[in-house]
């Protein structure tokens, strides 16, 4: 962190660490477990997050996220970016 970046509150994870991120056919998606629900965010080139606009069911386990994202977005695959993988 630089001096310009705020420190997280006690018990809060830093904004850039601790949450799984995935490359989903060339787009970066960050997934957070908030209570019993998953929240997914698209991550822009500048690092800013915005709501993803899709739902991950609460029964999906963390180790199943990459496969779930691949199944959900398989139509976005192309010869140049045809993979889903964890990047954190």
PDB file of N, CA and C in Angstrom:
ATOM      1  N   UNK A   1       0.835  -1.180   0.000  1.00  0.00           N
ATOM      2  CA  UNK A   1       0.000   0.000   0.000  1.00  0.00           C
ATOM      3  C   UNK A   1       0.876   1.238   0.000  1.00  0.00           C
ATOM      4  N   UNK A   2       0.417   2.258  -0.666  1.00  0.00           N
ATOM      5  CA  UNK A   2       1.130   3.534  -0.632  1.00  0.00           C
ATOM      6  C   UNK A   2       0.472   4.419   0.402  1.00  0.00           C
ATOM      7  N   UNK A   3       1.085   5.559   0.687  1.00  0.00           N
ATOM      8  CA  UNK A   3       0.535   6.468   1.681  1.00  0.00           C
ATOM      9  C   UNK A   3      -0.836   6.989   1.260  1.00  0.00           C
ATOM     10  N   UNK A   4      -1.102   7.042  -0.028  1.00  0.00           N
ATOM     11  CA  UNK A   4      -2.377   7.562  -0.511  1.00  0.00           C
ATOM     12  C   UNK A   4      -3.506   6.551  -0.387  1.00  0.00           C
ATOM     13  N   UNK A   5      -3.178   5.274  -0.211  1.00  0.00           N
ATOM     14  CA  UNK A   5      -4.201   4.246  -0.116  1.00  0.00           C
ATOM     15  C   UNK A   5      -4.629   4.075   1.337  1.00  0.00           C
ATOM     16  N   UNK A   6      -5.942   4.033   1.609  1.00  0.00           N
ATOM     17  CA  UNK A   6      -6.385   3.857   2.994  1.00  0.00           C
ATOM     18  C   UNK A   6      -6.113   2.444   3.479  1.00  0.00           C
ATOM     19  N   UNK A   7      -5.922   2.320   4.774  1.00  0.00           N
ATOM     20  CA  UNK A   7      -5.754   1.010   5.372  1.00  0.00           C
ATOM     21  C   UNK A   7      -7.129   0.414   5.606  1.00  0.00           C
ATOM     22  N   UNK A   8      -7.265  -0.905   5.461  1.00  0.00           N
ATOM     23  CA  UNK A   8      -8.563  -1.523   5.728  1.00  0.00           C
ATOM     24  C   UNK A   8      -8.902  -1.461   7.209  1.00  0.00           C
ATOM     25  N   UNK A   9     -10.178  -1.461   7.518  1.00  0.00           N
ATOM     26  CA  UNK A   9     -10.630  -1.485   8.909  1.00  0.00           C
ATOM     27  C   UNK A   9     -10.228  -2.814   9.536  1.00  0.00           C
ATOM     28  N   UNK A  10     -10.104  -2.873  10.844  1.00  0.00           N
ATOM     29  CA  UNK A  10      -9.759  -4.147  11.489  1.00  0.00           C
ATOM     30  C   UNK A  10     -10.739  -5.243  11.083  1.00  0.00           C
ATOM     31  N   UNK A  11     -10.205  -6.389  10.724  1.00  0.00           N
ATOM     32  CA  UNK A  11     -11.027  -7.511  10.308  1.00  0.00           C
ATOM     33  C   UNK A  11     -11.473  -7.458   8.858  1.00  0.00           C
ATOM     34  N   UNK A  12     -11.161  -6.379   8.163  1.00  0.00           N
ATOM     35  CA  UNK A  12     -11.545  -6.238   6.754  1.00  0.00           C
ATOM     36  C   UNK A  12     -10.352  -6.592   5.882  1.00  0.00           C
ATOM     37  N   UNK A  13     -10.614  -7.316   4.800  1.00  0.00           N
ATOM     38  CA  UNK A  13      -9.543  -7.687   3.889  1.00  0.00           C
ATOM     39  C   UNK A  13      -9.203  -6.503   2.999  1.00  0.00           C
ATOM     40  N   UNK A  14      -7.932  -6.336   2.611  1.00  0.00           N
ATOM     41  CA  UNK A  14      -7.578  -5.265   1.679  1.00  0.00           C
ATOM     42  C   UNK A  14      -8.338  -5.432   0.377  1.00  0.00           C
ATOM     43  N   UNK A  15      -8.584  -4.343  -0.301  1.00  0.00           N
ATOM     44  CA  UNK A  15      -9.375  -4.353  -1.528  1.00  0.00           C
ATOM     45  C   UNK A  15      -8.748  -5.193  -2.635  1.00  0.00           C
ATOM     46  N   UNK A  16      -7.448  -5.298  -2.675  1.00  0.00           N
ATOM     47  CA  UNK A  16      -6.807  -5.983  -3.793  1.00  0.00           C
ATOM     48  C   UNK A  16      -6.346  -7.394  -3.472  1.00  0.00           C
ATOM     49  N   UNK A  17      -6.618  -7.891  -2.261  1.00  0.00           N
ATOM     50  CA  UNK A  17      -6.125  -9.209  -1.891  1.00  0.00           C
ATOM     51  C   UNK A  17      -7.209 -10.015  -1.195  1.00  0.00           C
ATOM     52  N   UNK A  18      -7.070 -11.320  -1.275  1.00  0.00           N
ATOM     53  CA  UNK A  18      -7.921 -12.184  -0.496  1.00  0.00           C
ATOM     54  C   UNK A  18      -9.166 -12.702  -1.185  1.00  0.00           C
ATOM     55  N   UNK A  19      -9.499 -12.220  -2.359  1.00  0.00           N
ATOM     56  CA  UNK A  19     -10.683 -12.683  -3.058  1.00  0.00           C
ATOM     57  C   UNK A  19     -10.266 -13.369  -4.345  1.00  0.00           C
ATOM     58  N   UNK A  20     -10.891 -14.496  -4.660  1.00  0.00           N
ATOM     59  CA  UNK A  20     -10.505 -15.180  -5.890  1.00  0.00           C
ATOM     60  C   UNK A  20     -10.865 -14.367  -7.128  1.00  0.00           C
ATOM     61  N   UNK A  21      -9.925 -14.296  -8.039  1.00  0.00           N
ATOM     62  CA  UNK A  21     -10.151 -13.655  -9.337  1.00  0.00           C
ATOM     63  C   UNK A  21      -9.936 -14.695 -10.422  1.00  0.00           C
ATOM     64  N   UNK A  22     -10.725 -14.568 -11.473  1.00  0.00           N
ATOM     65  CA  UNK A  22     -10.688 -15.512 -12.571  1.00  0.00           C
ATOM     66  C   UNK A  22     -10.582 -14.766 -13.888  1.00  0.00           C
ATOM     67  N   UNK A  23      -9.827 -15.324 -14.805  1.00  0.00           N
ATOM     68  CA  UNK A  23      -9.870 -14.877 -16.189  1.00  0.00           C
ATOM     69  C   UNK A  23     -10.962 -15.711 -16.841  1.00  0.00           C
ATOM     70  N   UNK A  24     -12.018 -15.038 -17.283  1.00  0.00           N
ATOM     71  CA  UNK A  24     -13.161 -15.711 -17.888  1.00  0.00           C
ATOM     72  C   UNK A  24     -13.189 -15.315 -19.359  1.00  0.00           C
ATOM     73  N   UNK A  25     -12.537 -16.130 -20.168  1.00  0.00           N
ATOM     74  CA  UNK A  25     -12.445 -15.874 -21.605  1.00  0.00           C
ATOM     75  C   UNK A  25     -11.958 -14.445 -21.872  1.00  0.00           C
ATOM     76  N   UNK A  26     -10.926 -14.042 -21.137  1.00  0.00           N
ATOM     77  CA  UNK A  26     -10.288 -12.758 -21.356  1.00  0.00           C
ATOM     78  C   UNK A  26     -10.777 -11.628 -20.470  1.00  0.00           C
ATOM     79  N   UNK A  27     -11.827 -11.832 -19.709  1.00  0.00           N
ATOM     80  CA  UNK A  27     -12.323 -10.807 -18.790  1.00  0.00           C
ATOM     81  C   UNK A  27     -12.033 -11.227 -17.363  1.00  0.00           C
ATOM     82  N   UNK A  28     -11.695 -10.250 -16.512  1.00  0.00           N
ATOM     83  CA  UNK A  28     -11.374 -10.546 -15.127  1.00  0.00           C
ATOM     84  C   UNK A  28     -12.635 -10.411 -14.284  1.00  0.00           C
ATOM     85  N   UNK A  29     -12.910 -11.464 -13.503  1.00  0.00           N
ATOM     86  CA  UNK A  29     -14.064 -11.493 -12.607  1.00  0.00           C
ATOM     87  C   UNK A  29     -13.554 -11.801 -11.207  1.00  0.00           C
ATOM     88  N   UNK A  30     -13.989 -10.993 -10.237  1.00  0.00           N
ATOM     89  CA  UNK A  30     -13.671 -11.231  -8.835  1.00  0.00           C
ATOM     90  C   UNK A  30     -14.920 -11.760  -8.156  1.00  0.00           C
ATOM     91  N   UNK A  31     -14.752 -12.776  -7.331  1.00  0.00           N
ATOM     92  CA  UNK A  31     -15.889 -13.400  -6.659  1.00  0.00           C
ATOM     93  C   UNK A  31     -15.669 -13.307  -5.155  1.00  0.00           C
ATOM     94  N   UNK A  32     -16.702 -12.874  -4.457  1.00  0.00           N
ATOM     95  CA  UNK A  32     -16.638 -12.747  -2.998  1.00  0.00           C
ATOM     96  C   UNK A  32     -17.793 -13.499  -2.369  1.00  0.00           C
ATOM     97  N   UNK A  33     -17.512 -14.135  -1.261  1.00  0.00           N
ATOM     98  CA  UNK A  33     -18.576 -14.758  -0.474  1.00  0.00           C
ATOM     99  C   UNK A  33     -18.985 -13.727   0.562  1.00  0.00           C
ATOM    100  N   UNK A  34     -20.213 -13.233   0.472  1.00  0.00           N
ATOM    101  CA  UNK A  34     -20.720 -12.239   1.414  1.00  0.00           C
ATOM    102  C   UNK A  34     -21.905 -12.860   2.140  1.00  0.00           C
ATOM    103  N   UNK A  35     -21.641 -13.315   3.354  1.00  0.00           N
ATOM    104  CA  UNK A  35     -22.651 -14.073   4.082  1.00  0.00           C
ATOM    105  C   UNK A  35     -22.837 -15.417   3.416  1.00  0.00           C
ATOM    106  N   UNK A  36     -24.061 -15.755   3.106  1.00  0.00           N
ATOM    107  CA  UNK A  36     -24.357 -17.036   2.451  1.00  0.00           C
ATOM    108  C   UNK A  36     -24.346 -16.923   0.933  1.00  0.00           C
ATOM    109  N   UNK A  37     -24.161 -15.715   0.411  1.00  0.00           N
ATOM    110  CA  UNK A  37     -24.292 -15.488  -1.032  1.00  0.00           C
ATOM    111  C   UNK A  37     -22.957 -15.164  -1.688  1.00  0.00           C
ATOM    112  N   UNK A  38     -22.828 -15.540  -2.952  1.00  0.00           N
ATOM    113  CA  UNK A  38     -21.696 -15.136  -3.770  1.00  0.00           C
ATOM    114  C   UNK A  38     -22.035 -13.804  -4.429  1.00  0.00           C
ATOM    115  N   UNK A  39     -21.063 -12.918  -4.493  1.00  0.00           N
ATOM    116  CA  UNK A  39     -21.186 -11.668  -5.241  1.00  0.00           C
ATOM    117  C   UNK A  39     -20.061 -11.661  -6.261  1.00  0.00           C
ATOM    118  N   UNK A  40     -20.393 -11.369  -7.499  1.00  0.00           N
ATOM    119  CA  UNK A  40     -19.392 -11.365  -8.567  1.00  0.00           C
ATOM    120  C   UNK A  40     -19.250  -9.958  -9.121  1.00  0.00           C
ATOM    121  N   UNK A  41     -18.005  -9.582  -9.422  1.00  0.00           N
ATOM    122  CA  UNK A  41     -17.692  -8.245  -9.933  1.00  0.00           C
ATOM    123  C   UNK A  41     -16.790  -8.371 -11.141  1.00  0.00           C
ATOM    124  N   UNK A  42     -17.038  -7.558 -12.141  1.00  0.00           N
ATOM    125  CA  UNK A  42     -16.106  -7.433 -13.257  1.00  0.00           C
ATOM    126  C   UNK A  42     -15.024  -6.459 -12.823  1.00  0.00           C
ATOM    127  N   UNK A  43     -13.789  -6.751 -13.168  1.00  0.00           N
ATOM    128  CA  UNK A  43     -12.666  -5.898 -12.798  1.00  0.00           C
ATOM    129  C   UNK A  43     -12.125  -5.273 -14.070  1.00  0.00           C
ATOM    130  N   UNK A  44     -12.124  -3.936 -14.121  1.00  0.00           N
ATOM    131  CA  UNK A  44     -11.635  -3.227 -15.293  1.00  0.00           C
ATOM    132  C   UNK A  44     -10.125  -3.164 -15.325  1.00  0.00           C
ATOM    133  N   UNK A  45      -9.586  -2.681 -16.432  1.00  0.00           N
ATOM    134  CA  UNK A  45      -8.139  -2.554 -16.596  1.00  0.00           C
ATOM    135  C   UNK A  45      -7.540  -1.619 -15.551  1.00  0.00           C
ATOM    136  N   UNK A  46      -8.338  -0.692 -15.042  1.00  0.00           N
ATOM    137  CA  UNK A  46      -7.866   0.239 -14.016  1.00  0.00           C
ATOM    138  C   UNK A  46      -8.001  -0.333 -12.601  1.00  0.00           C
ATOM    139  N   UNK A  47      -8.520  -1.568 -12.490  1.00  0.00           N
ATOM    140  CA  UNK A  47      -8.672  -2.214 -11.196  1.00  0.00           C
ATOM    141  C   UNK A  47     -10.001  -1.946 -10.520  1.00  0.00           C
ATOM    142  N   UNK A  48     -10.819  -1.071 -11.096  1.00  0.00           N
ATOM    143  CA  UNK A  48     -12.118  -0.776 -10.494  1.00  0.00           C
ATOM    144  C   UNK A  48     -13.081  -1.926 -10.744  1.00  0.00           C
ATOM    145  N   UNK A  49     -13.912  -2.189  -9.733  1.00  0.00           N
ATOM    146  CA  UNK A  49     -14.889  -3.263  -9.824  1.00  0.00           C
ATOM    147  C   UNK A  49     -16.279  -2.697 -10.071  1.00  0.00           C
ATOM    148  N   UNK A  50     -17.081  -3.457 -10.804  1.00  0.00           N
ATOM    149  CA  UNK A  50     -18.489  -3.126 -10.991  1.00  0.00           C
ATOM    150  C   UNK A  50     -19.282  -4.424 -10.900  1.00  0.00           C
ATOM    151  N   UNK A  51     -20.547  -4.337 -10.476  1.00  0.00           N
ATOM    152  CA  UNK A  51     -21.354  -5.554 -10.378  1.00  0.00           C
ATOM    153  C   UNK A  51     -21.380  -6.297 -11.706  1.00  0.00           C
ATOM    154  N   UNK A  52     -21.328  -7.606 -11.635  1.00  0.00           N
ATOM    155  CA  UNK A  52     -21.191  -8.421 -12.836  1.00  0.00           C
ATOM    156  C   UNK A  52     -22.465  -8.571 -13.637  1.00  0.00           C
ATOM    157  N   UNK A  53     -23.610  -8.550 -12.972  1.00  0.00           N
ATOM    158  CA  UNK A  53     -24.862  -8.736 -13.676  1.00  0.00           C
ATOM    159  C   UNK A  53     -25.265 -10.186 -13.838  1.00  0.00           C
ATOM    160  N   UNK A  54     -24.570 -11.113 -13.194  1.00  0.00           N
ATOM    161  CA  UNK A  54     -24.973 -12.518 -13.206  1.00  0.00           C
ATOM    162  C   UNK A  54     -24.950 -13.052 -11.784  1.00  0.00           C
ATOM    163  N   UNK A  55     -25.618 -14.164 -11.587  1.00  0.00           N
ATOM    164  CA  UNK A  55     -25.777 -14.746 -10.256  1.00  0.00           C
ATOM    165  C   UNK A  55     -25.025 -16.069 -10.173  1.00  0.00           C
ATOM    166  N   UNK A  56     -24.326 -16.247  -9.064  1.00  0.00           N
ATOM    167  CA  UNK A  56     -23.708 -17.535  -8.763  1.00  0.00           C
ATOM    168  C   UNK A  56     -24.524 -18.131  -7.624  1.00  0.00           C
ATOM    169  N   UNK A  57     -25.129 -19.292  -7.828  1.00  0.00           N
ATOM    170  CA  UNK A  57     -25.944 -19.890  -6.761  1.00  0.00           C
ATOM    171  C   UNK A  57     -25.129 -20.134  -5.495  1.00  0.00           C
ATOM    172  N   UNK A  58     -25.784 -20.011  -4.358  1.00  0.00           N
ATOM    173  CA  UNK A  58     -25.082 -20.147  -3.084  1.00  0.00           C
ATOM    174  C   UNK A  58     -24.562 -21.547  -2.817  1.00  0.00           C
ATOM    175  N   UNK A  59     -25.080 -22.554  -3.502  1.00  0.00           N
ATOM    176  CA  UNK A  59     -24.614 -23.929  -3.274  1.00  0.00           C
ATOM    177  C   UNK A  59     -23.303 -24.239  -4.006  1.00  0.00           C
ATOM    178  N   UNK A  60     -22.857 -23.357  -4.895  1.00  0.00           N
ATOM    179  CA  UNK A  60     -21.585 -23.568  -5.594  1.00  0.00           C
ATOM    180  C   UNK A  60     -20.452 -23.396  -4.588  1.00  0.00           C
ATOM    181  N   UNK A  61     -19.560 -24.370  -4.528  1.00  0.00           N
ATOM    182  CA  UNK A  61     -18.412 -24.322  -3.625  1.00  0.00           C
ATOM    183  C   UNK A  61     -17.263 -23.553  -4.288  1.00  0.00           C
ATOM    184  N   UNK A  62     -16.357 -23.018  -3.481  1.00  0.00           N
ATOM    185  CA  UNK A  62     -15.256 -22.221  -4.027  1.00  0.00           C
ATOM    186  C   UNK A  62     -14.440 -23.002  -5.056  1.00  0.00           C
ATOM    187  N   UNK A  63     -14.183 -24.283  -4.808  1.00  0.00           N
ATOM    188  CA  UNK A  63     -13.385 -25.065  -5.752  1.00  0.00           C
ATOM    189  C   UNK A  63     -14.145 -25.338  -7.062  1.00  0.00           C
ATOM    190  N   UNK A  64     -15.439 -25.039  -7.113  1.00  0.00           N
ATOM    191  CA  UNK A  64     -16.254 -25.242  -8.308  1.00  0.00           C
ATOM    192  C   UNK A  64     -16.457 -23.969  -9.124  1.00  0.00           C
ATOM    193  N   UNK A  65     -15.937 -22.836  -8.644  1.00  0.00           N
ATOM    194  CA  UNK A  65     -16.211 -21.559  -9.297  1.00  0.00           C
ATOM    195  C   UNK A  65     -15.715 -21.499 -10.737  1.00  0.00           C
ATOM    196  N   UNK A  66     -14.497 -21.938 -10.996  1.00  0.00           N
ATOM    197  CA  UNK A  66     -13.962 -21.869 -12.367  1.00  0.00           C
ATOM    198  C   UNK A  66     -14.833 -22.672 -13.324  1.00  0.00           C
ATOM    199  N   UNK A  67     -15.232 -23.865 -12.927  1.00  0.00           N
ATOM    200  CA  UNK A  67     -16.088 -24.685 -13.790  1.00  0.00           C
ATOM    201  C   UNK A  67     -17.459 -24.044 -13.983  1.00  0.00           C
ATOM    202  N   UNK A  68     -18.015 -23.459 -12.926  1.00  0.00           N
ATOM    203  CA  UNK A  68     -19.302 -22.787 -13.047  1.00  0.00           C
ATOM    204  C   UNK A  68     -19.207 -21.623 -14.038  1.00  0.00           C
ATOM    205  N   UNK A  69     -18.151 -20.807 -13.904  1.00  0.00           N
ATOM    206  CA  UNK A  69     -17.980 -19.660 -14.801  1.00  0.00           C
ATOM    207  C   UNK A  69     -17.774 -20.118 -16.244  1.00  0.00           C
ATOM    208  N   UNK A  70     -17.033 -21.204 -16.433  1.00  0.00           N
ATOM    209  CA  UNK A  70     -16.833 -21.738 -17.778  1.00  0.00           C
ATOM    210  C   UNK A  70     -18.161 -22.215 -18.371  1.00  0.00           C
ATOM    211  N   UNK A  71     -18.943 -22.915 -17.593  1.00  0.00           N
ATOM    212  CA  UNK A  71     -20.243 -23.385 -18.076  1.00  0.00           C
ATOM    213  C   UNK A  71     -21.174 -22.218 -18.399  1.00  0.00           C
ATOM    214  N   UNK A  72     -21.150 -21.181 -17.566  1.00  0.00           N
ATOM    215  CA  UNK A  72     -22.040 -20.037 -17.756  1.00  0.00           C
ATOM    216  C   UNK A  72     -21.680 -19.222 -18.996  1.00  0.00           C
ATOM    217  N   UNK A  73     -20.387 -19.054 -19.242  1.00  0.00           N
ATOM    218  CA  UNK A  73     -19.940 -18.160 -20.313  1.00  0.00           C
ATOM    219  C   UNK A  73     -19.292 -18.886 -21.489  1.00  0.00           C
ATOM    220  N   UNK A  74     -19.541 -20.165 -21.668  1.00  0.00           N
ATOM    221  CA  UNK A  74     -18.872 -20.938 -22.716  1.00  0.00           C
ATOM    222  C   UNK A  74     -19.085 -20.348 -24.115  1.00  0.00           C
ATOM    223  N   UNK A  75     -20.174 -19.640 -24.330  1.00  0.00           N
ATOM    224  CA  UNK A  75     -20.419 -19.051 -25.652  1.00  0.00           C
ATOM    225  C   UNK A  75     -19.488 -17.876 -25.944  1.00  0.00           C
ATOM    226  N   UNK A  76     -18.798 -17.361 -24.930  1.00  0.00           N
ATOM    227  CA  UNK A  76     -17.850 -16.262 -25.120  1.00  0.00           C
ATOM    228  C   UNK A  76     -16.463 -16.744 -25.514  1.00  0.00           C
ATOM    229  N   UNK A  77     -16.263 -18.043 -25.554  1.00  0.00           N
ATOM    230  CA  UNK A  77     -14.947 -18.590 -25.901  1.00  0.00           C
ATOM    231  C   UNK A  77     -14.611 -18.283 -27.349  1.00  0.00           C
ATOM    232  N   UNK A  78     -13.331 -18.064 -27.586  1.00  0.00           N
ATOM    233  CA  UNK A  78     -12.829 -17.861 -28.948  1.00  0.00           C
ATOM    234  C   UNK A  78     -11.477 -18.549 -29.055  1.00  0.00           C
ATOM    235  N   UNK A  79     -10.945 -18.690 -30.262  1.00  0.00           N
ATOM    236  CA  UNK A  79      -9.629 -19.329 -30.396  1.00  0.00           C
ATOM    237  C   UNK A  79      -8.515 -18.580 -29.660  1.00  0.00           C
ATOM    238  N   UNK A  80      -8.707 -17.283 -29.410  1.00  0.00           N
ATOM    239  CA  UNK A  80      -7.656 -16.478 -28.772  1.00  0.00           C
ATOM    240  C   UNK A  80      -7.792 -16.415 -27.259  1.00  0.00           C
ATOM    241  N   UNK A  81      -8.978 -16.649 -26.743  1.00  0.00           N
ATOM    242  CA  UNK A  81      -9.169 -16.625 -25.285  1.00  0.00           C
ATOM    243  C   UNK A  81     -10.224 -17.657 -24.908  1.00  0.00           C
ATOM    244  N   UNK A  82      -9.871 -18.915 -25.040  1.00  0.00           N
ATOM    245  CA  UNK A  82     -10.830 -19.985 -24.825  1.00  0.00           C
ATOM    246  C   UNK A  82     -10.667 -20.706 -23.516  1.00  0.00           C
ATOM    247  N   UNK A  83     -10.410 -19.975 -22.433  1.00  0.00           N
ATOM    248  CA  UNK A  83     -10.161 -20.660 -21.181  1.00  0.00           C
ATOM    249  C   UNK A  83     -10.681 -19.843 -20.000  1.00  0.00           C
ATOM    250  N   UNK A  84     -10.974 -20.538 -18.900  1.00  0.00           N
ATOM    251  CA  UNK A  84     -11.323 -19.923 -17.629  1.00  0.00           C
ATOM    252  C   UNK A  84     -10.347 -20.475 -16.602  1.00  0.00           C
ATOM    253  N   UNK A  85      -9.695 -19.585 -15.864  1.00  0.00           N
ATOM    254  CA  UNK A  85      -8.740 -20.048 -14.867  1.00  0.00           C
ATOM    255  C   UNK A  85      -8.602 -19.009 -13.766  1.00  0.00           C
ATOM    256  N   UNK A  86      -8.199 -19.474 -12.599  1.00  0.00           N
ATOM    257  CA  UNK A  86      -8.003 -18.596 -11.442  1.00  0.00           C
ATOM    258  C   UNK A  86      -6.694 -17.835 -11.616  1.00  0.00           C
ATOM    259  N   UNK A  87      -6.724 -16.519 -11.330  1.00  0.00           N
ATOM    260  CA  UNK A  87      -5.528 -15.711 -11.551  1.00  0.00           C
ATOM    261  C   UNK A  87      -5.016 -15.043 -10.274  1.00  0.00           C
ATOM    262  N   UNK A  88      -5.657 -15.251  -9.136  1.00  0.00           N
ATOM    263  CA  UNK A  88      -5.191 -14.559  -7.919  1.00  0.00           C
ATOM    264  C   UNK A  88      -4.021 -15.285  -7.405  1.00  0.00           C
TER     265      UNK A  88
END
